[in-house]
PDB file of N, CA and C in Angstrom:
ATOM      1  N   UNK A   1      37.857 -16.203  33.252  1.00  0.00           N
ATOM      2  CA  UNK A   1      36.513 -15.602  33.471  1.00  0.00           C
ATOM      3  C   UNK A   1      35.450 -16.703  33.085  1.00  0.00           C
ATOM      4  N   UNK A   2      34.592 -16.940  33.992  1.00  0.00           N
ATOM      5  CA  UNK A   2      33.525 -17.957  33.677  1.00  0.00           C
ATOM      6  C   UNK A   2      32.464 -17.385  32.831  1.00  0.00           C
ATOM      7  N   UNK A   3      31.927 -18.297  32.075  1.00  0.00           N
ATOM      8  CA  UNK A   3      30.855 -17.899  31.096  1.00  0.00           C
ATOM      9  C   UNK A   3      29.544 -17.669  31.958  1.00  0.00           C
ATOM     10  N   UNK A   4      28.833 -16.580  31.660  1.00  0.00           N
ATOM     11  CA  UNK A   4      27.611 -16.289  32.340  1.00  0.00           C
ATOM     12  C   UNK A   4      26.467 -17.119  31.775  1.00  0.00           C
ATOM     13  N   UNK A   5      25.787 -17.700  32.668  1.00  0.00           N
ATOM     14  CA  UNK A   5      24.521 -18.461  32.190  1.00  0.00           C
ATOM     15  C   UNK A   5      23.337 -17.977  32.968  1.00  0.00           C
ATOM     16  N   UNK A   6      22.206 -17.759  32.215  1.00  0.00           N
ATOM     17  CA  UNK A   6      21.041 -17.225  32.951  1.00  0.00           C
ATOM     18  C   UNK A   6      20.488 -18.261  33.937  1.00  0.00           C
ATOM     19  N   UNK A   7      19.967 -17.707  35.070  1.00  0.00           N
ATOM     20  CA  UNK A   7      19.417 -18.534  36.055  1.00  0.00           C
ATOM     21  C   UNK A   7      17.913 -18.830  35.871  1.00  0.00           C
ATOM     22  N   UNK A   8      17.307 -18.062  35.030  1.00  0.00           N
ATOM     23  CA  UNK A   8      15.890 -18.285  34.691  1.00  0.00           C
ATOM     24  C   UNK A   8      15.675 -17.994  33.257  1.00  0.00           C
ATOM     25  N   UNK A   9      14.477 -18.416  32.781  1.00  0.00           N
ATOM     26  CA  UNK A   9      14.094 -18.214  31.365  1.00  0.00           C
ATOM     27  C   UNK A   9      13.725 -16.747  31.095  1.00  0.00           C
ATOM     28  N   UNK A  10      14.032 -16.292  29.935  1.00  0.00           N
ATOM     29  CA  UNK A  10      13.687 -14.904  29.615  1.00  0.00           C
ATOM     30  C   UNK A  10      12.222 -14.773  29.470  1.00  0.00           C
ATOM     31  N   UNK A  11      11.665 -13.606  29.859  1.00  0.00           N
ATOM     32  CA  UNK A  11      10.196 -13.472  29.769  1.00  0.00           C
ATOM     33  C   UNK A  11       9.837 -13.163  28.292  1.00  0.00           C
ATOM     34  N   UNK A  12       8.553 -13.434  27.991  1.00  0.00           N
ATOM     35  CA  UNK A  12       7.998 -13.121  26.682  1.00  0.00           C
ATOM     36  C   UNK A  12       8.107 -11.612  26.376  1.00  0.00           C
ATOM     37  N   UNK A  13       8.363 -11.192  25.163  1.00  0.00           N
ATOM     38  CA  UNK A  13       8.366  -9.746  24.939  1.00  0.00           C
ATOM     39  C   UNK A  13       6.967  -9.137  25.110  1.00  0.00           C
ATOM     40  N   UNK A  14       6.962  -7.946  25.589  1.00  0.00           N
ATOM     41  CA  UNK A  14       5.632  -7.254  25.815  1.00  0.00           C
ATOM     42  C   UNK A  14       5.117  -6.815  24.454  1.00  0.00           C
ATOM     43  N   UNK A  15       3.882  -7.065  24.216  1.00  0.00           N
ATOM     44  CA  UNK A  15       3.209  -6.574  22.972  1.00  0.00           C
ATOM     45  C   UNK A  15       2.145  -5.590  23.455  1.00  0.00           C
ATOM     46  N   UNK A  16       2.116  -4.518  22.734  1.00  0.00           N
ATOM     47  CA  UNK A  16       1.034  -3.529  23.100  1.00  0.00           C
ATOM     48  C   UNK A  16       0.683  -2.793  21.817  1.00  0.00           C
ATOM     49  N   UNK A  17       0.127  -1.603  21.996  1.00  0.00           N
ATOM     50  CA  UNK A  17      -0.228  -0.851  20.809  1.00  0.00           C
ATOM     51  C   UNK A  17       0.958  -0.096  20.215  1.00  0.00           C
ATOM     52  N   UNK A  18       1.749  -0.935  19.469  1.00  0.00           N
ATOM     53  CA  UNK A  18       3.055  -0.468  19.021  1.00  0.00           C
ATOM     54  C   UNK A  18       2.904   0.596  17.912  1.00  0.00           C
ATOM     55  N   UNK A  19       2.019   0.358  17.024  1.00  0.00           N
ATOM     56  CA  UNK A  19       1.787   1.332  15.983  1.00  0.00           C
ATOM     57  C   UNK A  19       1.296   2.742  16.488  1.00  0.00           C
ATOM     58  N   UNK A  20       0.389   2.646  17.412  1.00  0.00           N
ATOM     59  CA  UNK A  20      -0.110   3.874  18.092  1.00  0.00           C
ATOM     60  C   UNK A  20       0.978   4.577  18.808  1.00  0.00           C
ATOM     61  N   UNK A  21       1.813   3.840  19.520  1.00  0.00           N
ATOM     62  CA  UNK A  21       2.945   4.452  20.251  1.00  0.00           C
ATOM     63  C   UNK A  21       3.879   5.188  19.351  1.00  0.00           C
ATOM     64  N   UNK A  22       4.277   4.509  18.278  1.00  0.00           N
ATOM     65  CA  UNK A  22       5.264   5.150  17.364  1.00  0.00           C
ATOM     66  C   UNK A  22       4.580   6.334  16.653  1.00  0.00           C
ATOM     67  N   UNK A  23       3.362   6.196  16.283  1.00  0.00           N
ATOM     68  CA  UNK A  23       2.672   7.308  15.594  1.00  0.00           C
ATOM     69  C   UNK A  23       2.555   8.524  16.539  1.00  0.00           C
ATOM     70  N   UNK A  24       2.208   8.248  17.830  1.00  0.00           N
ATOM     71  CA  UNK A  24       2.102   9.371  18.782  1.00  0.00           C
ATOM     72  C   UNK A  24       3.468  10.005  19.011  1.00  0.00           C
ATOM     73  N   UNK A  25       4.503   9.225  19.058  1.00  0.00           N
ATOM     74  CA  UNK A  25       5.889   9.843  19.206  1.00  0.00           C
ATOM     75  C   UNK A  25       6.321  10.672  17.989  1.00  0.00           C
ATOM     76  N   UNK A  26       5.920  10.206  16.838  1.00  0.00           N
ATOM     77  CA  UNK A  26       6.282  10.899  15.516  1.00  0.00           C
ATOM     78  C   UNK A  26       5.485  12.233  15.537  1.00  0.00           C
ATOM     79  N   UNK A  27       4.219  12.229  15.916  1.00  0.00           N
ATOM     80  CA  UNK A  27       3.437  13.450  15.966  1.00  0.00           C
ATOM     81  C   UNK A  27       4.085  14.446  16.936  1.00  0.00           C
ATOM     82  N   UNK A  28       4.485  13.879  18.085  1.00  0.00           N
ATOM     83  CA  UNK A  28       5.121  14.766  19.098  1.00  0.00           C
ATOM     84  C   UNK A  28       6.392  15.423  18.571  1.00  0.00           C
ATOM     85  N   UNK A  29       7.210  14.643  17.969  1.00  0.00           N
ATOM     86  CA  UNK A  29       8.430  15.256  17.397  1.00  0.00           C
ATOM     87  C   UNK A  29       8.177  16.318  16.327  1.00  0.00           C
ATOM     88  N   UNK A  30       7.092  16.060  15.483  1.00  0.00           N
ATOM     89  CA  UNK A  30       6.781  17.040  14.459  1.00  0.00           C
ATOM     90  C   UNK A  30       6.170  18.345  15.058  1.00  0.00           C
ATOM     91  N   UNK A  31       5.376  18.202  16.075  1.00  0.00           N
ATOM     92  CA  UNK A  31       4.811  19.341  16.839  1.00  0.00           C
ATOM     93  C   UNK A  31       5.914  20.102  17.466  1.00  0.00           C
ATOM     94  N   UNK A  32       6.855  19.437  18.098  1.00  0.00           N
ATOM     95  CA  UNK A  32       7.955  20.191  18.628  1.00  0.00           C
ATOM     96  C   UNK A  32       8.745  20.949  17.600  1.00  0.00           C
ATOM     97  N   UNK A  33       8.919  20.326  16.445  1.00  0.00           N
ATOM     98  CA  UNK A  33       9.579  21.060  15.367  1.00  0.00           C
ATOM     99  C   UNK A  33       8.836  22.313  14.944  1.00  0.00           C
ATOM    100  N   UNK A  34       7.477  22.182  14.788  1.00  0.00           N
ATOM    101  CA  UNK A  34       6.644  23.308  14.372  1.00  0.00           C
ATOM    102  C   UNK A  34       6.700  24.395  15.429  1.00  0.00           C
ATOM    103  N   UNK A  35       6.681  24.048  16.695  1.00  0.00           N
ATOM    104  CA  UNK A  35       6.765  25.053  17.781  1.00  0.00           C
ATOM    105  C   UNK A  35       8.089  25.806  17.780  1.00  0.00           C
ATOM    106  N   UNK A  36       9.103  25.172  17.411  1.00  0.00           N
ATOM    107  CA  UNK A  36      10.436  25.814  17.432  1.00  0.00           C
ATOM    108  C   UNK A  36      10.767  26.640  16.184  1.00  0.00           C
ATOM    109  N   UNK A  37      10.131  26.367  15.079  1.00  0.00           N
ATOM    110  CA  UNK A  37      10.448  27.033  13.867  1.00  0.00           C
ATOM    111  C   UNK A  37      10.215  28.591  13.908  1.00  0.00           C
ATOM    112  N   UNK A  38       9.209  29.071  14.543  1.00  0.00           N
ATOM    113  CA  UNK A  38       9.066  30.563  14.675  1.00  0.00           C
ATOM    114  C   UNK A  38      10.223  31.217  15.478  1.00  0.00           C
ATOM    115  N   UNK A  39      10.904  30.398  16.324  1.00  0.00           N
ATOM    116  CA  UNK A  39      11.961  30.965  17.130  1.00  0.00           C
ATOM    117  C   UNK A  39      13.357  30.541  16.605  1.00  0.00           C
ATOM    118  N   UNK A  40      13.394  30.291  15.328  1.00  0.00           N
ATOM    119  CA  UNK A  40      14.669  29.860  14.694  1.00  0.00           C
ATOM    120  C   UNK A  40      15.793  30.863  14.881  1.00  0.00           C
ATOM    121  N   UNK A  41      15.427  32.153  14.797  1.00  0.00           N
ATOM    122  CA  UNK A  41      16.431  33.222  14.973  1.00  0.00           C
ATOM    123  C   UNK A  41      17.041  33.172  16.362  1.00  0.00           C
ATOM    124  N   UNK A  42      16.178  32.932  17.383  1.00  0.00           N
ATOM    125  CA  UNK A  42      16.704  32.851  18.730  1.00  0.00           C
ATOM    126  C   UNK A  42      17.657  31.638  18.876  1.00  0.00           C
ATOM    127  N   UNK A  43      17.263  30.521  18.275  1.00  0.00           N
ATOM    128  CA  UNK A  43      18.164  29.390  18.343  1.00  0.00           C
ATOM    129  C   UNK A  43      19.493  29.694  17.560  1.00  0.00           C
ATOM    130  N   UNK A  44      19.372  30.294  16.449  1.00  0.00           N
ATOM    131  CA  UNK A  44      20.533  30.631  15.603  1.00  0.00           C
ATOM    132  C   UNK A  44      21.490  31.533  16.391  1.00  0.00           C
ATOM    133  N   UNK A  45      20.955  32.488  17.038  1.00  0.00           N
ATOM    134  CA  UNK A  45      21.775  33.497  17.800  1.00  0.00           C
ATOM    135  C   UNK A  45      22.606  32.804  18.806  1.00  0.00           C
ATOM    136  N   UNK A  46      22.150  31.699  19.379  1.00  0.00           N
ATOM    137  CA  UNK A  46      22.779  30.983  20.475  1.00  0.00           C
ATOM    138  C   UNK A  46      23.470  29.659  19.989  1.00  0.00           C
ATOM    139  N   UNK A  47      23.619  29.507  18.658  1.00  0.00           N
ATOM    140  CA  UNK A  47      24.108  28.299  18.132  1.00  0.00           C
ATOM    141  C   UNK A  47      23.460  27.043  18.624  1.00  0.00           C
ATOM    142  N   UNK A  48      22.144  27.039  18.667  1.00  0.00           N
ATOM    143  CA  UNK A  48      21.340  25.945  19.176  1.00  0.00           C
ATOM    144  C   UNK A  48      20.372  25.367  18.078  1.00  0.00           C
ATOM    145  N   UNK A  49      20.734  25.616  16.823  1.00  0.00           N
ATOM    146  CA  UNK A  49      19.797  25.244  15.769  1.00  0.00           C
ATOM    147  C   UNK A  49      19.632  23.716  15.664  1.00  0.00           C
ATOM    148  N   UNK A  50      20.579  23.019  16.276  1.00  0.00           N
ATOM    149  CA  UNK A  50      20.511  21.524  16.230  1.00  0.00           C
ATOM    150  C   UNK A  50      19.244  21.054  16.959  1.00  0.00           C
ATOM    151  N   UNK A  51      18.693  21.873  17.926  1.00  0.00           N
ATOM    152  CA  UNK A  51      17.431  21.491  18.605  1.00  0.00           C
ATOM    153  C   UNK A  51      16.311  21.349  17.617  1.00  0.00           C
ATOM    154  N   UNK A  52      16.294  22.357  16.679  1.00  0.00           N
ATOM    155  CA  UNK A  52      15.198  22.344  15.692  1.00  0.00           C
ATOM    156  C   UNK A  52      15.326  21.203  14.742  1.00  0.00           C
ATOM    157  N   UNK A  53      16.584  20.972  14.265  1.00  0.00           N
ATOM    158  CA  UNK A  53      16.746  19.930  13.267  1.00  0.00           C
ATOM    159  C   UNK A  53      16.693  18.525  13.961  1.00  0.00           C
ATOM    160  N   UNK A  54      16.998  18.370  15.191  1.00  0.00           N
ATOM    161  CA  UNK A  54      16.762  17.151  15.923  1.00  0.00           C
ATOM    162  C   UNK A  54      15.328  16.765  15.918  1.00  0.00           C
ATOM    163  N   UNK A  55      14.436  17.745  16.172  1.00  0.00           N
ATOM    164  CA  UNK A  55      13.006  17.423  16.153  1.00  0.00           C
ATOM    165  C   UNK A  55      12.553  17.006  14.803  1.00  0.00           C
ATOM    166  N   UNK A  56      13.082  17.629  13.698  1.00  0.00           N
ATOM    167  CA  UNK A  56      12.681  17.280  12.377  1.00  0.00           C
ATOM    168  C   UNK A  56      13.207  15.839  12.037  1.00  0.00           C
ATOM    169  N   UNK A  57      14.357  15.538  12.464  1.00  0.00           N
ATOM    170  CA  UNK A  57      14.952  14.201  12.229  1.00  0.00           C
ATOM    171  C   UNK A  57      14.134  13.162  13.017  1.00  0.00           C
ATOM    172  N   UNK A  58      13.796  13.456  14.270  1.00  0.00           N
ATOM    173  CA  UNK A  58      12.896  12.559  14.998  1.00  0.00           C
ATOM    174  C   UNK A  58      11.553  12.295  14.297  1.00  0.00           C
ATOM    175  N   UNK A  59      11.008  13.244  13.719  1.00  0.00           N
ATOM    176  CA  UNK A  59       9.762  13.102  12.952  1.00  0.00           C
ATOM    177  C   UNK A  59      10.032  12.231  11.626  1.00  0.00           C
ATOM    178  N   UNK A  60      11.099  12.498  11.029  1.00  0.00           N
ATOM    179  CA  UNK A  60      11.442  11.710   9.817  1.00  0.00           C
ATOM    180  C   UNK A  60      11.699  10.244  10.113  1.00  0.00           C
ATOM    181  N   UNK A  61      12.464   9.980  11.203  1.00  0.00           N
ATOM    182  CA  UNK A  61      12.802   8.609  11.622  1.00  0.00           C
ATOM    183  C   UNK A  61      11.476   7.948  12.112  1.00  0.00           C
ATOM    184  N   UNK A  62      10.648   8.734  12.638  1.00  0.00           N
ATOM    185  CA  UNK A  62       9.327   8.242  13.183  1.00  0.00           C
ATOM    186  C   UNK A  62       8.482   7.702  12.003  1.00  0.00           C
ATOM    187  N   UNK A  63       8.533   8.379  10.876  1.00  0.00           N
ATOM    188  CA  UNK A  63       7.797   7.976   9.697  1.00  0.00           C
ATOM    189  C   UNK A  63       8.352   6.627   9.180  1.00  0.00           C
ATOM    190  N   UNK A  64       9.654   6.459   9.245  1.00  0.00           N
ATOM    191  CA  UNK A  64      10.256   5.101   8.921  1.00  0.00           C
ATOM    192  C   UNK A  64       9.797   4.096   9.903  1.00  0.00           C
ATOM    193  N   UNK A  65       9.723   4.467  11.237  1.00  0.00           N
ATOM    194  CA  UNK A  65       9.328   3.576  12.289  1.00  0.00           C
ATOM    195  C   UNK A  65       7.914   3.150  12.071  1.00  0.00           C
ATOM    196  N   UNK A  66       7.026   4.119  11.718  1.00  0.00           N
ATOM    197  CA  UNK A  66       5.548   3.743  11.438  1.00  0.00           C
ATOM    198  C   UNK A  66       5.442   2.691  10.309  1.00  0.00           C
ATOM    199  N   UNK A  67       6.227   2.954   9.244  1.00  0.00           N
ATOM    200  CA  UNK A  67       6.205   1.931   8.132  1.00  0.00           C
ATOM    201  C   UNK A  67       6.657   0.618   8.616  1.00  0.00           C
ATOM    202  N   UNK A  68       7.716   0.600   9.396  1.00  0.00           N
ATOM    203  CA  UNK A  68       8.300  -0.629   9.876  1.00  0.00           C
ATOM    204  C   UNK A  68       7.335  -1.365  10.807  1.00  0.00           C
ATOM    205  N   UNK A  69       6.761  -0.768  11.839  1.00  0.00           N
ATOM    206  CA  UNK A  69       5.922  -1.420  12.778  1.00  0.00           C
ATOM    207  C   UNK A  69       4.533  -1.885  12.142  1.00  0.00           C
ATOM    208  N   UNK A  70       4.056  -1.158  11.178  1.00  0.00           N
ATOM    209  CA  UNK A  70       2.921  -1.538  10.443  1.00  0.00           C
ATOM    210  C   UNK A  70       3.089  -2.882   9.665  1.00  0.00           C
ATOM    211  N   UNK A  71       4.300  -2.924   9.001  1.00  0.00           N
ATOM    212  CA  UNK A  71       4.686  -4.142   8.291  1.00  0.00           C
ATOM    213  C   UNK A  71       4.853  -5.355   9.245  1.00  0.00           C
ATOM    214  N   UNK A  72       5.474  -5.075  10.374  1.00  0.00           N
ATOM    215  CA  UNK A  72       5.688  -6.126  11.386  1.00  0.00           C
ATOM    216  C   UNK A  72       4.366  -6.571  11.957  1.00  0.00           C
ATOM    217  N   UNK A  73       3.462  -5.622  12.278  1.00  0.00           N
ATOM    218  CA  UNK A  73       2.177  -6.003  12.835  1.00  0.00           C
ATOM    219  C   UNK A  73       1.345  -6.846  11.825  1.00  0.00           C
ATOM    220  N   UNK A  74       1.439  -6.513  10.589  1.00  0.00           N
ATOM    221  CA  UNK A  74       0.724  -7.315   9.470  1.00  0.00           C
ATOM    222  C   UNK A  74       1.267  -8.674   9.416  1.00  0.00           C
ATOM    223  N   UNK A  75       2.612  -8.792   9.453  1.00  0.00           N
ATOM    224  CA  UNK A  75       3.299 -10.088   9.428  1.00  0.00           C
ATOM    225  C   UNK A  75       2.917 -10.991  10.611  1.00  0.00           C
ATOM    226  N   UNK A  76       2.758 -10.360  11.816  1.00  0.00           N
ATOM    227  CA  UNK A  76       2.485 -11.146  12.929  1.00  0.00           C
ATOM    228  C   UNK A  76       0.995 -11.651  12.836  1.00  0.00           C
ATOM    229  N   UNK A  77       0.169 -10.822  12.369  1.00  0.00           N
ATOM    230  CA  UNK A  77      -1.289 -11.201  12.183  1.00  0.00           C
ATOM    231  C   UNK A  77      -1.350 -12.338  11.100  1.00  0.00           C
ATOM    232  N   UNK A  78      -0.619 -12.201  10.007  1.00  0.00           N
ATOM    233  CA  UNK A  78      -0.615 -13.203   8.971  1.00  0.00           C
ATOM    234  C   UNK A  78      -0.153 -14.585   9.522  1.00  0.00           C
ATOM    235  N   UNK A  79       0.919 -14.518  10.354  1.00  0.00           N
ATOM    236  CA  UNK A  79       1.469 -15.730  10.935  1.00  0.00           C
ATOM    237  C   UNK A  79       0.477 -16.364  11.924  1.00  0.00           C
ATOM    238  N   UNK A  80      -0.216 -15.550  12.730  1.00  0.00           N
ATOM    239  CA  UNK A  80      -1.113 -16.083  13.692  1.00  0.00           C
ATOM    240  C   UNK A  80      -2.382 -16.747  12.922  1.00  0.00           C
ATOM    241  N   UNK A  81      -2.754 -16.077  11.862  1.00  0.00           N
ATOM    242  CA  UNK A  81      -3.980 -16.556  11.129  1.00  0.00           C
ATOM    243  C   UNK A  81      -3.578 -17.913  10.422  1.00  0.00           C
ATOM    244  N   UNK A  82      -2.357 -18.001   9.927  1.00  0.00           N
ATOM    245  CA  UNK A  82      -1.968 -19.213   9.199  1.00  0.00           C
ATOM    246  C   UNK A  82      -1.727 -20.344  10.281  1.00  0.00           C
ATOM    247  N   UNK A  83      -1.322 -20.013  11.445  1.00  0.00           N
ATOM    248  CA  UNK A  83      -1.195 -21.093  12.501  1.00  0.00           C
ATOM    249  C   UNK A  83      -2.530 -21.551  13.001  1.00  0.00           C
ATOM    250  N   UNK A  84      -3.557 -20.659  13.047  1.00  0.00           N
ATOM    251  CA  UNK A  84      -4.850 -21.062  13.397  1.00  0.00           C
ATOM    252  C   UNK A  84      -5.483 -21.946  12.330  1.00  0.00           C
ATOM    253  N   UNK A  85      -5.170 -21.633  11.087  1.00  0.00           N
ATOM    254  CA  UNK A  85      -5.786 -22.429   9.992  1.00  0.00           C
ATOM    255  C   UNK A  85      -5.061 -23.776   9.791  1.00  0.00           C
ATOM    256  N   UNK A  86      -3.945 -23.928  10.483  1.00  0.00           N
ATOM    257  CA  UNK A  86      -3.235 -25.171  10.364  1.00  0.00           C
ATOM    258  C   UNK A  86      -2.278 -25.216   9.190  1.00  0.00           C
ATOM    259  N   UNK A  87      -2.184 -24.097   8.498  1.00  0.00           N
ATOM    260  CA  UNK A  87      -1.325 -24.066   7.367  1.00  0.00           C
ATOM    261  C   UNK A  87       0.095 -23.616   7.720  1.00  0.00           C
ATOM    262  N   UNK A  88       0.864 -23.511   6.712  1.00  0.00           N
ATOM    263  CA  UNK A  88       2.241 -22.974   6.902  1.00  0.00           C
ATOM    264  C   UNK A  88       2.211 -21.431   6.741  1.00  0.00           C
ATOM    265  N   UNK A  89       2.805 -20.683   7.730  1.00  0.00           N
ATOM    266  CA  UNK A  89       2.829 -19.244   7.599  1.00  0.00           C
ATOM    267  C   UNK A  89       3.732 -18.835   6.375  1.00  0.00           C
ATOM    268  N   UNK A  90       3.217 -17.775   5.679  1.00  0.00           N
ATOM    269  CA  UNK A  90       3.968 -17.267   4.581  1.00  0.00           C
ATOM    270  C   UNK A  90       4.844 -16.111   5.051  1.00  0.00           C
ATOM    271  N   UNK A  91       6.043 -16.003   4.483  1.00  0.00           N
ATOM    272  CA  UNK A  91       7.002 -14.990   4.882  1.00  0.00           C
ATOM    273  C   UNK A  91       6.519 -13.599   4.577  1.00  0.00           C
TER     274      UNK A  91
END
């Protein structure tokens, strides 16, 4: 089997409002959790309580994601500022 080689260069990664996107998704997961909590009995009767807990897990993982992308965004800004100043970027 021949080794696959790309025929063109990979595009630059898209950068956008990553922090806002992750924050919005986290809020959406938490709102879905809050909407389902009053109907917990209905979900329990049908063995579908995993829907409720999935929304809570999504909100919890979203909080970790917010922390991560804020740190990443700050590091990218530090790197860009150091490059503009002609210095060496700090890790």
